[in-house]
C-alpha atoms as a PDB file:
ATOM      1  CA  MET A   1       0.000   0.000   0.000  1.00  0.00           C
ATOM      2  CA  GLN A   2       1.275   3.452  -0.874  1.00  0.00           C
ATOM      3  CA  VAL A   3       0.192   6.835   0.353  1.00  0.00           C
ATOM      4  CA  ILE A   4       0.354   9.606  -2.229  1.00  0.00           C
ATOM      5  CA  ARG A   5       0.516  13.263  -1.273  1.00  0.00           C
ATOM      6  CA  GLN A   6       0.435  16.164  -3.638  1.00  0.00           C
ATOM      7  CA  SER A   7       0.633  19.729  -2.469  1.00  0.00           C
ATOM      8  CA  SER A   8      -2.607  21.642  -2.746  1.00  0.00           C
ATOM      9  CA  ILE A   9      -0.960  25.039  -2.451  1.00  0.00           C
ATOM     10  CA  ARG A  10      -0.654  26.510  -5.950  1.00  0.00           C
ATOM     11  CA  LYS A  11       2.514  28.455  -5.147  1.00  0.00           C
ATOM     12  CA  MET A  12       4.303  25.298  -4.069  1.00  0.00           C
ATOM     13  CA  GLN A  13       3.115  23.370  -7.123  1.00  0.00           C
ATOM     14  CA  ALA A  14       4.717  25.959  -9.365  1.00  0.00           C
ATOM     15  CA  THR A  15       8.183  25.367  -7.850  1.00  0.00           C
ATOM     16  CA  PHE A  16       7.938  21.732  -6.706  1.00  0.00           C
ATOM     17  CA  LYS A  17       8.218  19.409  -9.666  1.00  0.00           C
ATOM     18  CA  TYR A  18       7.879  15.947  -8.116  1.00  0.00           C
ATOM     19  CA  GLU A  19       4.983  13.689  -7.215  1.00  0.00           C
ATOM     20  CA  VAL A  20       5.719  12.299  -3.756  1.00  0.00           C
ATOM     21  CA  ARG A  21       4.707   8.857  -2.534  1.00  0.00           C
ATOM     22  CA  TYR A  22       5.292   7.062   0.746  1.00  0.00           C
ATOM     23  CA  GLU A  23       5.850   3.313   0.963  1.00  0.00           C
ATOM     24  CA  ARG A  24       4.013   1.593   3.792  1.00  0.00           C
ATOM     25  CA  SER A  25       7.352   0.419   5.261  1.00  0.00           C
ATOM     26  CA  PHE A  26       8.476   4.064   5.457  1.00  0.00           C
ATOM     27  CA  LEU A  27       5.353   5.083   7.365  1.00  0.00           C
ATOM     28  CA  LEU A  28       5.804   2.156   9.755  1.00  0.00           C
ATOM     29  CA  ASP A  29       9.454   3.131  10.297  1.00  0.00           C
ATOM     30  CA  ILE A  30       8.364   6.653  11.254  1.00  0.00           C
ATOM     31  CA  LYS A  31       5.760   5.285  13.627  1.00  0.00           C
ATOM     32  CA  ARG A  32       8.477   3.319  15.491  1.00  0.00           C
ATOM     33  CA  LEU A  33      10.783   6.309  16.053  1.00  0.00           C
ATOM     34  CA  GLU A  34      11.174   8.135  19.347  1.00  0.00           C
ATOM     35  CA  PRO A  35       8.673  11.050  19.559  1.00  0.00           C
ATOM     36  CA  ALA A  36      11.266  13.846  19.230  1.00  0.00           C
ATOM     37  CA  VAL A  37      12.936  12.204  16.229  1.00  0.00           C
ATOM     38  CA  ARG A  38       9.541  11.348  14.718  1.00  0.00           C
ATOM     39  CA  ARG A  39       8.502  15.018  14.788  1.00  0.00           C
ATOM     40  CA  GLN A  40      11.776  16.077  13.161  1.00  0.00           C
ATOM     41  CA  ILE A  41      11.509  13.480  10.374  1.00  0.00           C
ATOM     42  CA  GLN A  42       7.808  14.217   9.794  1.00  0.00           C
ATOM     43  CA  GLN A  43       8.473  17.962   9.646  1.00  0.00           C
ATOM     44  CA  PHE A  44      11.068  17.465   6.944  1.00  0.00           C
ATOM     45  CA  VAL A  45       9.381  14.735   4.904  1.00  0.00           C
ATOM     46  CA  PHE A  46       5.813  16.045   4.944  1.00  0.00           C
ATOM     47  CA  GLU A  47       6.540  19.784   4.855  1.00  0.00           C
ATOM     48  CA  ASP A  48      10.136  20.977   4.357  1.00  0.00           C
ATOM     49  CA  PHE A  49      10.838  18.523   1.517  1.00  0.00           C
ATOM     50  CA  TYR A  50       8.324  20.409  -0.642  1.00  0.00           C
ATOM     51  CA  GLN A  51      10.640  23.432  -0.568  1.00  0.00           C
ATOM     52  CA  THR A  52      13.413  21.404  -2.237  1.00  0.00           C
ATOM     53  CA  THR A  53      13.931  22.287  -5.871  1.00  0.00           C
ATOM     54  CA  GLN A  54      16.627  19.688  -6.628  1.00  0.00           C
ATOM     55  CA  LEU A  55      17.197  16.362  -4.905  1.00  0.00           C
ATOM     56  CA  GLN A  56      20.952  17.002  -4.919  1.00  0.00           C
ATOM     57  CA  GLU A  57      20.291  19.704  -2.281  1.00  0.00           C
ATOM     58  CA  LEU A  58      19.379  17.022   0.282  1.00  0.00           C
ATOM     59  CA  PRO A  59      22.028  16.436   2.985  1.00  0.00           C
ATOM     60  CA  GLU A  60      24.542  13.756   1.935  1.00  0.00           C
ATOM     61  CA  PHE A  61      22.396  12.776  -1.061  1.00  0.00           C
ATOM     62  CA  ARG A  62      23.943   9.704  -2.722  1.00  0.00           C
ATOM     63  CA  GLN A  63      23.081   7.023  -5.214  1.00  0.00           C
ATOM     64  CA  LEU A  64      22.808   3.520  -3.732  1.00  0.00           C
ATOM     65  CA  GLY A  65      25.308   1.284  -5.468  1.00  0.00           C
ATOM     66  CA  SER A  66      25.062   1.226  -9.239  1.00  0.00           C
ATOM     67  CA  SER A  67      21.291   1.630  -9.223  1.00  0.00           C
ATOM     68  CA  GLU A  68      19.810   4.343 -11.388  1.00  0.00           C
ATOM     69  CA  ILE A  69      16.707   4.829  -9.226  1.00  0.00           C
ATOM     70  CA  TYR A  70      17.655   4.248  -5.576  1.00  0.00           C
ATOM     71  CA  TYR A  71      19.155   7.020  -3.462  1.00  0.00           C
ATOM     72  CA  ARG A  72      19.633   7.971   0.165  1.00  0.00           C
ATOM     73  CA  PHE A  73      20.189  11.071   2.230  1.00  0.00           C
ATOM     74  CA  THR A  74      20.653  11.800   5.918  1.00  0.00           C
ATOM     75  CA  LEU A  75      18.606  13.614   8.505  1.00  0.00           C
ATOM     76  CA  ASP A  76      20.513  13.978  11.742  1.00  0.00           C
ATOM     77  CA  ARG A  77      21.439  10.368  12.683  1.00  0.00           C
ATOM     78  CA  TYR A  78      19.015   8.720  10.247  1.00  0.00           C
ATOM     79  CA  LEU A  79      19.256   7.458   6.677  1.00  0.00           C
ATOM     80  CA  VAL A  80      16.263   8.003   4.418  1.00  0.00           C
ATOM     81  CA  SER A  81      16.024   5.937   1.242  1.00  0.00           C
ATOM     82  CA  LEU A  82      14.260   7.074  -1.907  1.00  0.00           C
ATOM     83  CA  GLU A  83      13.192   5.612  -5.212  1.00  0.00           C
ATOM     84  CA  VAL A  84      13.277   8.213  -7.977  1.00  0.00           C
ATOM     85  CA  THR A  85      11.521   7.309 -11.201  1.00  0.00           C
ATOM     86  CA  GLY A  86      11.079  10.254 -13.544  1.00  0.00           C
ATOM     87  CA  GLN A  87       9.066  12.863 -11.645  1.00  0.00           C
ATOM     88  CA  ILE A  88       7.965  10.407  -8.913  1.00  0.00           C
ATOM     89  CA  VAL A  89       9.850  10.354  -5.613  1.00  0.00           C
ATOM     90  CA  LYS A  90       8.932   7.508  -3.289  1.00  0.00           C
ATOM     91  CA  PHE A  91      10.146   7.450   0.321  1.00  0.00           C
ATOM     92  CA  LEU A  92      11.058   3.819   1.080  1.00  0.00           C
ATOM     93  CA  ARG A  93      12.648   3.513   4.530  1.00  0.00           C
ATOM     94  CA  VAL A  94      14.064   5.525   7.395  1.00  0.00           C
ATOM     95  CA  ILE A  95      16.645   3.825   9.600  1.00  0.00           C
ATOM     96  CA  ARG A  96      19.185   4.897  12.188  1.00  0.00           C
ATOM     97  CA  LYS A  97      22.740   5.310  10.883  1.00  0.00           C
ATOM     98  CA  PRO A  98      25.000   2.571  12.148  1.00  0.00           C
ATOM     99  CA  ASP A  99      27.477   3.563  14.843  1.00  0.00           C
ATOM    100  CA  LEU A 100      31.027   3.241  13.561  1.00  0.00           C
END
């Protein structure tokens, strides 16, 4: 099951060029986070992300392996994985960065 969210604010639609989807596993990951971290991740993913004009602006944005569609970026101590297919960005997972 996927949840699809498109901005209803016309001003944002003019600058934001992606359709955003959320994989069920991503939503479950958010639900399992500590409340303070959950608020931070939700703030970025459901609101601040819509201010992004290019995905390369995301913190530590990187391609996963040799894949053409899978990417990740970081938010504080968490990795967020994305699937980017054309103009569709799908949030896949959010996991804590491993301690090294």
